[in-house]
Amino acid sequence: LPYALNQSGSLVFYFLLANSDLSMAVPICNAMALLFSFVTSWLLGEPIQKPFQTALGASLVLAGVTVCVSSQEGEGGHEQQQEL
């Protein structure tokens, strides 16, 4: 089962690479891989050695992805305004 989940994640990664902006797809996929690993470990009951630092790191990764996505959306809106 873990192998099948890993391979399905790879398929989603390649799908995103083919159908979206490369500068957005790669950082988002890499960040989400870290977050999914953290959440999966937690759900499986694995001990987290430094829970505060792990949660802080996951929060910073989410904040970075949010900044990337919002800056990309802002650029798209700016281009549309220039065309009008």
N, C-alpha and C. Protein backbone atom coordinates (compact mmCIF):
# COMPACT_ATOMS: atom_id res chain seq x y z
N LEU A 1 0.81 -1.21 0.00
CA LEU A 1 0.00 0.00 0.00
C LEU A 1 0.85 1.27 0.00
N PRO A 2 1.91 1.36 0.81
CA PRO A 2 2.72 2.59 0.76
C PRO A 2 3.35 2.82 -0.62
N TYR A 3 3.76 1.74 -1.28
CA TYR A 3 4.34 1.89 -2.61
C TYR A 3 3.32 2.44 -3.59
N ALA A 4 2.08 1.95 -3.53
CA ALA A 4 1.03 2.43 -4.43
C ALA A 4 0.73 3.91 -4.17
N LEU A 5 0.70 4.31 -2.91
CA LEU A 5 0.49 5.73 -2.59
C LEU A 5 1.63 6.60 -3.11
N ASN A 6 2.85 6.09 -2.98
CA ASN A 6 4.01 6.82 -3.47
C ASN A 6 3.93 7.00 -4.98
N GLN A 7 3.58 5.94 -5.68
CA GLN A 7 3.49 6.02 -7.14
C GLN A 7 2.34 6.92 -7.59
N SER A 8 1.24 6.91 -6.86
CA SER A 8 0.14 7.81 -7.23
C SER A 8 0.56 9.27 -7.02
N GLY A 9 1.35 9.54 -6.00
CA GLY A 9 1.89 10.88 -5.81
C GLY A 9 2.80 11.28 -6.96
N SER A 10 3.58 10.34 -7.46
CA SER A 10 4.44 10.64 -8.61
C SER A 10 3.62 10.94 -9.85
N LEU A 11 2.53 10.23 -10.03
CA LEU A 11 1.66 10.49 -11.18
C LEU A 11 1.05 11.89 -11.10
N VAL A 12 0.62 12.28 -9.92
CA VAL A 12 0.07 13.62 -9.74
C VAL A 12 1.15 14.67 -10.02
N PHE A 13 2.37 14.41 -9.57
CA PHE A 13 3.48 15.33 -9.80
C PHE A 13 3.71 15.53 -11.30
N TYR A 14 3.77 14.43 -12.05
CA TYR A 14 4.00 14.54 -13.49
C TYR A 14 2.81 15.19 -14.20
N PHE A 15 1.62 14.94 -13.73
CA PHE A 15 0.44 15.59 -14.30
C PHE A 15 0.53 17.11 -14.10
N LEU A 16 0.91 17.52 -12.88
CA LEU A 16 1.05 18.96 -12.61
C LEU A 16 2.16 19.58 -13.46
N LEU A 17 3.25 18.86 -13.64
CA LEU A 17 4.34 19.38 -14.46
C LEU A 17 3.89 19.62 -15.89
N ALA A 18 3.05 18.73 -16.39
CA ALA A 18 2.60 18.84 -17.78
C ALA A 18 1.55 19.92 -17.96
N ASN A 19 0.77 20.21 -16.93
CA ASN A 19 -0.39 21.07 -17.10
C ASN A 19 -0.36 22.39 -16.33
N SER A 20 0.75 22.74 -15.72
CA SER A 20 0.77 23.98 -14.97
C SER A 20 2.11 24.67 -15.13
N ASP A 21 2.21 25.84 -14.53
CA ASP A 21 3.44 26.62 -14.57
C ASP A 21 4.53 25.90 -13.79
N LEU A 22 5.65 25.65 -14.42
CA LEU A 22 6.72 24.88 -13.81
C LEU A 22 7.27 25.56 -12.56
N SER A 23 7.33 26.88 -12.58
CA SER A 23 7.88 27.59 -11.42
C SER A 23 6.99 27.47 -10.20
N MET A 24 5.74 27.08 -10.39
CA MET A 24 4.83 26.89 -9.27
C MET A 24 4.69 25.41 -8.89
N ALA A 25 4.67 24.53 -9.87
CA ALA A 25 4.38 23.12 -9.62
C ALA A 25 5.46 22.45 -8.78
N VAL A 26 6.71 22.70 -9.09
CA VAL A 26 7.81 22.02 -8.39
C VAL A 26 7.88 22.43 -6.92
N PRO A 27 7.90 23.72 -6.56
CA PRO A 27 7.96 24.05 -5.13
C PRO A 27 6.74 23.58 -4.35
N ILE A 28 5.57 23.67 -4.98
CA ILE A 28 4.36 23.23 -4.28
C ILE A 28 4.40 21.73 -4.03
N CYS A 29 4.77 20.95 -5.04
CA CYS A 29 4.83 19.49 -4.87
C CYS A 29 5.86 19.09 -3.83
N ASN A 30 7.02 19.73 -3.85
CA ASN A 30 8.05 19.39 -2.86
C ASN A 30 7.61 19.77 -1.45
N ALA A 31 6.97 20.91 -1.31
CA ALA A 31 6.50 21.32 0.01
C ALA A 31 5.39 20.40 0.50
N MET A 32 4.49 20.05 -0.37
CA MET A 32 3.39 19.17 0.02
C MET A 32 3.90 17.77 0.39
N ALA A 33 4.97 17.32 -0.28
CA ALA A 33 5.54 16.02 0.07
C ALA A 33 6.03 16.02 1.53
N LEU A 34 6.67 17.11 1.94
CA LEU A 34 7.12 17.21 3.33
C LEU A 34 5.95 17.22 4.30
N LEU A 35 4.92 17.98 3.96
CA LEU A 35 3.76 18.06 4.84
C LEU A 35 3.01 16.73 4.92
N PHE A 36 2.84 16.07 3.78
CA PHE A 36 2.16 14.77 3.80
C PHE A 36 2.96 13.73 4.58
N SER A 37 4.28 13.79 4.49
CA SER A 37 5.11 12.87 5.28
C SER A 37 4.91 13.10 6.77
N PHE A 38 4.88 14.36 7.17
CA PHE A 38 4.67 14.70 8.58
C PHE A 38 3.30 14.22 9.06
N VAL A 39 2.26 14.52 8.29
CA VAL A 39 0.90 14.14 8.69
C VAL A 39 0.75 12.62 8.72
N THR A 40 1.30 11.94 7.73
CA THR A 40 1.20 10.48 7.68
C THR A 40 1.92 9.84 8.87
N SER A 41 3.09 10.35 9.19
CA SER A 41 3.82 9.83 10.36
C SER A 41 3.02 10.04 11.63
N TRP A 42 2.41 11.20 11.74
CA TRP A 42 1.61 11.49 12.93
C TRP A 42 0.40 10.57 13.00
N LEU A 43 -0.29 10.36 11.86
CA LEU A 43 -1.47 9.48 11.85
C LEU A 43 -1.12 8.03 12.16
N LEU A 44 0.08 7.61 11.75
CA LEU A 44 0.51 6.23 12.03
C LEU A 44 0.99 6.05 13.46
N GLY A 45 1.08 7.15 14.19
CA GLY A 45 1.47 7.06 15.59
C GLY A 45 2.96 7.03 15.82
N GLU A 46 3.74 7.41 14.83
CA GLU A 46 5.18 7.45 15.02
C GLU A 46 5.54 8.60 15.95
N PRO A 47 6.49 8.39 16.82
CA PRO A 47 6.86 9.47 17.75
C PRO A 47 7.56 10.60 17.00
N ILE A 48 7.18 11.81 17.32
CA ILE A 48 7.81 13.00 16.74
C ILE A 48 8.79 13.52 17.77
N GLN A 49 10.07 13.55 17.40
CA GLN A 49 11.12 13.88 18.35
C GLN A 49 11.02 15.30 18.87
N LYS A 50 10.76 16.25 17.99
CA LYS A 50 10.67 17.66 18.39
C LYS A 50 9.38 18.23 17.83
N PRO A 51 8.25 18.03 18.53
CA PRO A 51 6.96 18.42 17.95
C PRO A 51 6.81 19.91 17.68
N PHE A 52 7.35 20.77 18.55
CA PHE A 52 7.22 22.21 18.32
C PHE A 52 7.97 22.62 17.06
N GLN A 53 9.20 22.14 16.92
CA GLN A 53 10.00 22.51 15.76
C GLN A 53 9.41 21.91 14.48
N THR A 54 8.85 20.72 14.57
CA THR A 54 8.23 20.11 13.40
C THR A 54 7.00 20.89 12.98
N ALA A 55 6.16 21.27 13.93
CA ALA A 55 4.97 22.05 13.60
C ALA A 55 5.35 23.43 13.07
N LEU A 56 6.38 24.04 13.64
CA LEU A 56 6.85 25.33 13.15
C LEU A 56 7.36 25.21 11.72
N GLY A 57 8.13 24.17 11.44
CA GLY A 57 8.63 23.96 10.09
C GLY A 57 7.52 23.74 9.09
N ALA A 58 6.53 22.93 9.48
CA ALA A 58 5.38 22.70 8.59
C ALA A 58 4.61 23.99 8.34
N SER A 59 4.49 24.80 9.36
CA SER A 59 3.79 26.10 9.20
C SER A 59 4.56 27.02 8.27
N LEU A 60 5.88 27.03 8.39
CA LEU A 60 6.68 27.88 7.51
C LEU A 60 6.62 27.40 6.06
N VAL A 61 6.58 26.09 5.87
CA VAL A 61 6.43 25.55 4.51
C VAL A 61 5.10 25.97 3.92
N LEU A 62 4.03 25.86 4.70
CA LEU A 62 2.72 26.29 4.23
C LEU A 62 2.70 27.78 3.93
N ALA A 63 3.34 28.58 4.76
CA ALA A 63 3.40 30.02 4.52
C ALA A 63 4.16 30.32 3.23
N GLY A 64 5.24 29.60 2.98
CA GLY A 64 6.01 29.80 1.75
C GLY A 64 5.21 29.45 0.51
N VAL A 65 4.48 28.35 0.57
CA VAL A 65 3.64 27.96 -0.55
C VAL A 65 2.54 28.99 -0.78
N THR A 66 1.97 29.50 0.30
CA THR A 66 0.93 30.53 0.19
C THR A 66 1.48 31.79 -0.47
N VAL A 67 2.68 32.19 -0.10
CA VAL A 67 3.30 33.36 -0.71
C VAL A 67 3.54 33.13 -2.20
N CYS A 68 4.04 31.94 -2.56
CA CYS A 68 4.28 31.63 -3.98
C CYS A 68 2.99 31.69 -4.77
N VAL A 69 1.94 31.07 -4.26
CA VAL A 69 0.67 31.03 -4.98
C VAL A 69 0.07 32.42 -5.08
N SER A 70 0.09 33.18 -4.00
CA SER A 70 -0.52 34.52 -4.04
C SER A 70 0.27 35.46 -4.94
N SER A 71 1.59 35.33 -4.97
CA SER A 71 2.37 36.21 -5.85
C SER A 71 2.14 35.84 -7.31
N GLN A 72 1.97 34.58 -7.60
CA GLN A 72 1.70 34.16 -8.97
C GLN A 72 0.32 34.64 -9.42
N GLU A 73 -0.66 34.58 -8.54
CA GLU A 73 -2.00 35.06 -8.87
C GLU A 73 -1.99 36.57 -9.08
N GLY A 74 -1.21 37.28 -8.29
CA GLY A 74 -1.10 38.72 -8.42
C GLY A 74 -0.50 39.12 -9.76
N GLU A 75 0.48 38.37 -10.23
CA GLU A 75 1.10 38.65 -11.52
C GLU A 75 0.11 38.44 -12.65
N GLY A 76 -0.69 37.38 -12.56
CA GLY A 76 -1.68 37.10 -13.60
C GLY A 76 -2.71 38.20 -13.69
N GLY A 77 -3.17 38.70 -12.56
CA GLY A 77 -4.14 39.77 -12.55
C GLY A 77 -3.55 41.06 -13.10
N HIS A 78 -2.27 41.31 -12.80
CA HIS A 78 -1.61 42.51 -13.28
C HIS A 78 -1.49 42.49 -14.81
N GLU A 79 -1.16 41.33 -15.38
CA GLU A 79 -1.06 41.20 -16.84
C GLU A 79 -2.40 41.44 -17.50
N GLN A 80 -3.46 40.96 -16.89
CA GLN A 80 -4.79 41.15 -17.48
C GLN A 80 -5.17 42.62 -17.44
N GLN A 81 -4.80 43.35 -16.41
CA GLN A 81 -5.12 44.76 -16.32
C GLN A 81 -4.35 45.55 -17.37
N GLN A 82 -3.13 45.16 -17.67
CA GLN A 82 -2.34 45.87 -18.67
C GLN A 82 -2.93 45.66 -20.07
N GLU A 83 -3.49 44.49 -20.33
CA GLU A 83 -4.06 44.21 -21.64
C GLU A 83 -5.30 45.04 -21.89
N LEU A 84 -6.04 45.36 -20.84
CA LEU A 84 -7.27 46.14 -21.00
C LEU A 84 -6.90 47.54 -21.28
